Amino acid sequence: MKKILTLFAVVGLIVFSSCEGPEGPPGLDGIDGEIGTVYENIAPNYYNFVGPDYSVRFNFPKAIYDSDVVLVYRFDGVDSGNRPVWQALPETYYLNDGTRDFSLKYVFTPSYVNIYLDGNNRATIPAAYRVNQIFRIVVVPADFVKSVNKASYLDVVNKLNIKDSQIHDIKL
């Protein structure tokens, strides 16, 4: 009797597992393409911070989603292996006595990102931080930034699987 019940159970399992129902309704459309986008102002399109507002603006080619987050990185030279070093904004610099000298900050909307210098006397900020500045502006979904080290440009683009050839040039 146990053998017959086992046989019916196996046959029933095979029969029910091979059943198929009608196709369900179509799902919502997804977002085609990249999950992250990187923009860079390459030579000769350097950004210069000049008075009176000491800010630069990049208008996105098309509006980003309200749920997107913008990360900004400033080119800070090359390391000993001749690889570029990208400093995450905001970044703050201090005087020798420990008081704040100035900061590089940014704000963004769905249509633009505004990068600006903030400080007590912006006219005295060294030219190395005001003139011929290169930035990489990264647009990512908000959920993505929860799972990555935002302070590291390399961590961000590696997790997004973005290659240098996929970076969009900013033309001024």
C-alpha atoms as a PDB file:
ATOM      1  CA  MET A   1       0.000   0.000   0.000  1.00  0.00           C
ATOM      2  CA  LYS A   2       2.874   2.385   0.840  1.00  0.00           C
ATOM      3  CA  LYS A   3       4.387   1.725  -2.575  1.00  0.00           C
ATOM      4  CA  ILE A   4       1.146   2.621  -4.345  1.00  0.00           C
ATOM      5  CA  LEU A   5       0.743   5.848  -2.368  1.00  0.00           C
ATOM      6  CA  THR A   6       4.361   6.798  -3.107  1.00  0.00           C
ATOM      7  CA  LEU A   7       3.778   6.075  -6.818  1.00  0.00           C
ATOM      8  CA  PHE A   8       0.645   8.278  -6.857  1.00  0.00           C
ATOM      9  CA  ALA A   9       2.533  11.049  -5.048  1.00  0.00           C
ATOM     10  CA  VAL A  10       5.387  10.978  -7.579  1.00  0.00           C
ATOM     11  CA  VAL A  11       3.000  10.887 -10.577  1.00  0.00           C
ATOM     12  CA  GLY A  12       0.915  13.704  -9.072  1.00  0.00           C
ATOM     13  CA  LEU A  13       4.027  15.783  -8.464  1.00  0.00           C
ATOM     14  CA  ILE A  14       5.151  15.374 -12.073  1.00  0.00           C
ATOM     15  CA  VAL A  15       1.693  16.178 -13.463  1.00  0.00           C
ATOM     16  CA  PHE A  16       1.158  19.287 -11.339  1.00  0.00           C
ATOM     17  CA  SER A  17       4.659  20.659 -11.828  1.00  0.00           C
ATOM     18  CA  SER A  18       4.265  20.599 -15.607  1.00  0.00           C
ATOM     19  CA  CYS A  19       1.009  22.577 -15.628  1.00  0.00           C
ATOM     20  CA  GLU A  20       1.010  26.056 -17.107  1.00  0.00           C
ATOM     21  CA  GLY A  21      -1.616  28.746 -16.897  1.00  0.00           C
ATOM     22  CA  PRO A  22      -2.418  31.640 -19.211  1.00  0.00           C
ATOM     23  CA  GLU A  23       0.125  34.447 -19.587  1.00  0.00           C
ATOM     24  CA  GLY A  24      -0.372  37.290 -17.139  1.00  0.00           C
ATOM     25  CA  PRO A  25      -0.770  40.966 -17.991  1.00  0.00           C
ATOM     26  CA  PRO A  26       2.343  42.864 -19.133  1.00  0.00           C
ATOM     27  CA  GLY A  27       4.378  44.551 -16.412  1.00  0.00           C
ATOM     28  CA  LEU A  28       5.389  48.178 -16.145  1.00  0.00           C
ATOM     29  CA  ASP A  29       8.057  49.475 -18.482  1.00  0.00           C
ATOM     30  CA  GLY A  30      11.521  49.653 -16.961  1.00  0.00           C
ATOM     31  CA  ILE A  31      14.275  52.175 -17.478  1.00  0.00           C
ATOM     32  CA  ASP A  32      16.373  51.344 -20.493  1.00  0.00           C
ATOM     33  CA  GLY A  33      20.127  51.679 -20.475  1.00  0.00           C
ATOM     34  CA  GLU A  34      22.512  52.681 -17.733  1.00  0.00           C
ATOM     35  CA  ILE A  35      21.774  52.728 -14.012  1.00  0.00           C
ATOM     36  CA  GLY A  36      24.322  55.480 -13.538  1.00  0.00           C
ATOM     37  CA  THR A  37      25.743  58.273 -15.669  1.00  0.00           C
ATOM     38  CA  VAL A  38      29.046  60.123 -15.345  1.00  0.00           C
ATOM     39  CA  TYR A  39      29.801  63.564 -16.824  1.00  0.00           C
ATOM     40  CA  GLU A  40      33.228  65.220 -16.936  1.00  0.00           C
ATOM     41  CA  ASN A  41      34.372  68.653 -18.086  1.00  0.00           C
ATOM     42  CA  ILE A  42      37.523  67.773 -20.027  1.00  0.00           C
ATOM     43  CA  ALA A  43      40.149  70.163 -21.443  1.00  0.00           C
ATOM     44  CA  PRO A  44      39.725  72.875 -22.581  1.00  0.00           C
ATOM     45  CA  ASN A  45      36.350  73.064 -20.817  1.00  0.00           C
ATOM     46  CA  TYR A  46      37.695  73.705 -17.337  1.00  0.00           C
ATOM     47  CA  TYR A  47      35.539  75.293 -14.676  1.00  0.00           C
ATOM     48  CA  ASN A  48      36.713  78.555 -13.114  1.00  0.00           C
ATOM     49  CA  PHE A  49      35.272  79.963  -9.908  1.00  0.00           C
ATOM     50  CA  VAL A  50      35.127  83.747 -10.194  1.00  0.00           C
ATOM     51  CA  GLY A  51      33.275  86.470  -8.301  1.00  0.00           C
ATOM     52  CA  PRO A  52      30.801  87.553  -7.386  1.00  0.00           C
ATOM     53  CA  ASP A  53      29.171  84.140  -6.776  1.00  0.00           C
ATOM     54  CA  TYR A  54      32.169  81.776  -7.182  1.00  0.00           C
ATOM     55  CA  SER A  55      30.011  79.029  -8.624  1.00  0.00           C
ATOM     56  CA  VAL A  56      29.679  76.971 -11.799  1.00  0.00           C
ATOM     57  CA  ARG A  57      26.599  75.235 -13.140  1.00  0.00           C
ATOM     58  CA  PHE A  58      26.162  72.118 -15.225  1.00  0.00           C
ATOM     59  CA  ASN A  59      22.755  71.666 -16.850  1.00  0.00           C
ATOM     60  CA  PHE A  60      21.867  68.013 -17.389  1.00  0.00           C
ATOM     61  CA  PRO A  61      21.201  67.177 -21.066  1.00  0.00           C
ATOM     62  CA  LYS A  62      17.827  65.820 -19.918  1.00  0.00           C
ATOM     63  CA  ALA A  63      16.208  66.092 -16.509  1.00  0.00           C
ATOM     64  CA  ILE A  64      17.162  63.385 -14.044  1.00  0.00           C
ATOM     65  CA  TYR A  65      14.589  61.489 -12.011  1.00  0.00           C
ATOM     66  CA  ASP A  66      13.423  62.910  -8.689  1.00  0.00           C
ATOM     67  CA  SER A  67      14.679  59.696  -7.092  1.00  0.00           C
ATOM     68  CA  ASP A  68      18.219  60.154  -8.457  1.00  0.00           C
ATOM     69  CA  VAL A  69      21.170  61.369  -6.414  1.00  0.00           C
ATOM     70  CA  VAL A  70      24.100  63.421  -7.716  1.00  0.00           C
ATOM     71  CA  LEU A  71      27.648  62.832  -6.491  1.00  0.00           C
ATOM     72  CA  VAL A  72      30.433  65.274  -7.424  1.00  0.00           C
ATOM     73  CA  TYR A  73      34.182  64.578  -7.462  1.00  0.00           C
ATOM     74  CA  ARG A  74      37.013  67.083  -8.095  1.00  0.00           C
ATOM     75  CA  PHE A  75      40.210  66.083  -9.912  1.00  0.00           C
ATOM     76  CA  ASP A  76      42.958  66.402  -7.301  1.00  0.00           C
ATOM     77  CA  GLY A  77      46.039  65.345  -9.296  1.00  0.00           C
ATOM     78  CA  VAL A  78      47.581  61.931  -9.887  1.00  0.00           C
ATOM     79  CA  ASP A  79      48.954  59.365  -7.460  1.00  0.00           C
ATOM     80  CA  SER A  80      52.370  57.693  -7.571  1.00  0.00           C
ATOM     81  CA  GLY A  81      51.054  55.201 -10.141  1.00  0.00           C
ATOM     82  CA  ASN A  82      50.036  58.090 -12.406  1.00  0.00           C
ATOM     83  CA  ARG A  83      46.324  57.357 -11.793  1.00  0.00           C
ATOM     84  CA  PRO A  84      43.862  60.222 -11.325  1.00  0.00           C
ATOM     85  CA  VAL A  85      42.777  61.081  -7.793  1.00  0.00           C
ATOM     86  CA  TRP A  86      39.129  62.169  -7.395  1.00  0.00           C
ATOM     87  CA  GLN A  87      38.150  64.024  -4.218  1.00  0.00           C
ATOM     88  CA  ALA A  88      34.494  63.718  -3.149  1.00  0.00           C
ATOM     89  CA  LEU A  89      32.604  66.936  -2.497  1.00  0.00           C
ATOM     90  CA  PRO A  90      31.884  68.547  -0.176  1.00  0.00           C
ATOM     91  CA  GLU A  91      35.483  69.116   0.849  1.00  0.00           C
ATOM     92  CA  THR A  92      36.690  71.604   3.446  1.00  0.00           C
ATOM     93  CA  TYR A  93      40.102  73.235   3.859  1.00  0.00           C
ATOM     94  CA  TYR A  94      41.442  74.732   7.066  1.00  0.00           C
ATOM     95  CA  LEU A  95      43.931  77.433   7.979  1.00  0.00           C
ATOM     96  CA  ASN A  96      47.041  76.566   9.987  1.00  0.00           C
ATOM     97  CA  ASP A  97      45.288  77.570  13.213  1.00  0.00           C
ATOM     98  CA  GLY A  98      42.534  74.991  12.566  1.00  0.00           C
ATOM     99  CA  THR A  99      39.776  77.406  11.572  1.00  0.00           C
ATOM    100  CA  ARG A 100      37.883  76.785   8.361  1.00  0.00           C
ATOM    101  CA  ASP A 101      39.253  78.606   5.330  1.00  0.00           C
ATOM    102  CA  PHE A 102      36.854  77.492   2.584  1.00  0.00           C
ATOM    103  CA  SER A 103      34.755  74.616   1.301  1.00  0.00           C
ATOM    104  CA  LEU A 104      33.802  73.264  -2.116  1.00  0.00           C
ATOM    105  CA  LYS A 105      30.122  72.296  -2.044  1.00  0.00           C
ATOM    106  CA  TYR A 106      27.286  71.555  -4.442  1.00  0.00           C
ATOM    107  CA  VAL A 107      23.526  71.480  -4.739  1.00  0.00           C
ATOM    108  CA  PHE A 108      21.445  69.798  -7.413  1.00  0.00           C
ATOM    109  CA  THR A 109      17.968  69.752  -8.876  1.00  0.00           C
ATOM    110  CA  PRO A 110      16.512  67.454 -11.555  1.00  0.00           C
ATOM    111  CA  SER A 111      17.796  69.885 -14.208  1.00  0.00           C
ATOM    112  CA  TYR A 112      21.221  71.067 -12.975  1.00  0.00           C
ATOM    113  CA  VAL A 113      24.041  70.794 -10.456  1.00  0.00           C
ATOM    114  CA  ASN A 114      25.610  73.943  -9.022  1.00  0.00           C
ATOM    115  CA  ILE A 115      29.168  73.647  -7.616  1.00  0.00           C
ATOM    116  CA  TYR A 116      30.348  76.558  -5.473  1.00  0.00           C
ATOM    117  CA  LEU A 117      33.060  77.853  -3.171  1.00  0.00           C
ATOM    118  CA  ASP A 118      32.012  78.797   0.335  1.00  0.00           C
ATOM    119  CA  GLY A 119      34.315  80.712   2.654  1.00  0.00           C
ATOM    120  CA  ASN A 120      35.110  83.900   4.513  1.00  0.00           C
ATOM    121  CA  ASN A 121      37.118  85.578   1.740  1.00  0.00           C
ATOM    122  CA  ARG A 122      36.657  83.643  -1.494  1.00  0.00           C
ATOM    123  CA  ALA A 123      38.881  86.050  -3.444  1.00  0.00           C
ATOM    124  CA  THR A 124      41.905  84.828  -1.457  1.00  0.00           C
ATOM    125  CA  ILE A 125      41.305  81.113  -2.102  1.00  0.00           C
ATOM    126  CA  PRO A 126      44.361  79.724  -3.926  1.00  0.00           C
ATOM    127  CA  ALA A 127      44.042  79.469  -7.711  1.00  0.00           C
ATOM    128  CA  ALA A 128      44.713  75.712  -7.457  1.00  0.00           C
ATOM    129  CA  TYR A 129      41.145  75.395  -6.114  1.00  0.00           C
ATOM    130  CA  ARG A 130      39.483  78.115  -8.225  1.00  0.00           C
ATOM    131  CA  VAL A 131      40.975  77.949 -11.721  1.00  0.00           C
ATOM    132  CA  ASN A 132      40.986  75.166 -14.340  1.00  0.00           C
ATOM    133  CA  GLN A 133      38.990  72.764 -12.202  1.00  0.00           C
ATOM    134  CA  ILE A 134      37.868  69.355 -13.516  1.00  0.00           C
ATOM    135  CA  PHE A 135      34.852  67.579 -12.040  1.00  0.00           C
ATOM    136  CA  ARG A 136      33.127  64.259 -12.529  1.00  0.00           C
ATOM    137  CA  ILE A 137      29.417  64.434 -11.875  1.00  0.00           C
ATOM    138  CA  VAL A 138      27.806  61.059 -11.199  1.00  0.00           C
ATOM    139  CA  VAL A 139      24.031  60.532 -11.352  1.00  0.00           C
ATOM    140  CA  VAL A 140      22.782  57.374  -9.632  1.00  0.00           C
ATOM    141  CA  PRO A 141      19.509  55.999  -8.234  1.00  0.00           C
ATOM    142  CA  ALA A 142      19.009  56.898  -4.563  1.00  0.00           C
ATOM    143  CA  ASP A 143      18.886  53.234  -3.488  1.00  0.00           C
ATOM    144  CA  PHE A 144      22.333  52.699  -5.008  1.00  0.00           C
ATOM    145  CA  VAL A 145      24.112  55.147  -2.690  1.00  0.00           C
ATOM    146  CA  LYS A 146      23.045  53.112   0.344  1.00  0.00           C
ATOM    147  CA  SER A 147      25.234  50.216  -0.817  1.00  0.00           C
ATOM    148  CA  VAL A 148      28.458  51.973  -1.849  1.00  0.00           C
ATOM    149  CA  ASN A 149      31.223  54.122  -0.376  1.00  0.00           C
ATOM    150  CA  LYS A 150      30.208  57.528  -1.811  1.00  0.00           C
ATOM    151  CA  ALA A 151      33.534  59.055  -0.755  1.00  0.00           C
ATOM    152  CA  SER A 152      35.383  56.828  -3.246  1.00  0.00           C
ATOM    153  CA  TYR A 153      34.855  57.638  -6.911  1.00  0.00           C
ATOM    154  CA  LEU A 154      36.486  54.324  -7.869  1.00  0.00           C
ATOM    155  CA  ASP A 155      34.121  52.331  -5.645  1.00  0.00           C
ATOM    156  CA  VAL A 156      31.118  54.086  -7.191  1.00  0.00           C
ATOM    157  CA  VAL A 157      32.073  53.559 -10.851  1.00  0.00           C
ATOM    158  CA  ASN A 158      33.308  50.014 -10.225  1.00  0.00           C
ATOM    159  CA  LYS A 159      29.994  49.050  -8.634  1.00  0.00           C
ATOM    160  CA  LEU A 160      28.160  50.726 -11.526  1.00  0.00           C
ATOM    161  CA  ASN A 161      30.510  48.972 -13.976  1.00  0.00           C
ATOM    162  CA  ILE A 162      31.174  52.272 -15.785  1.00  0.00           C
ATOM    163  CA  LYS A 163      34.289  52.426 -17.944  1.00  0.00           C
ATOM    164  CA  ASP A 164      36.161  55.640 -18.841  1.00  0.00           C
ATOM    165  CA  SER A 165      34.894  55.269 -22.418  1.00  0.00           C
ATOM    166  CA  GLN A 166      31.297  55.653 -21.123  1.00  0.00           C
ATOM    167  CA  ILE A 167      31.885  59.049 -19.472  1.00  0.00           C
ATOM    168  CA  HIS A 168      29.965  61.871 -21.142  1.00  0.00           C
ATOM    169  CA  ASP A 169      31.958  65.002 -21.981  1.00  0.00           C
ATOM    170  CA  ILE A 170      30.730  68.367 -20.736  1.00  0.00           C
ATOM    171  CA  LYS A 171      31.120  70.976 -23.439  1.00  0.00           C
ATOM    172  CA  LEU A 172      30.978  74.571 -22.216  1.00  0.00           C
END
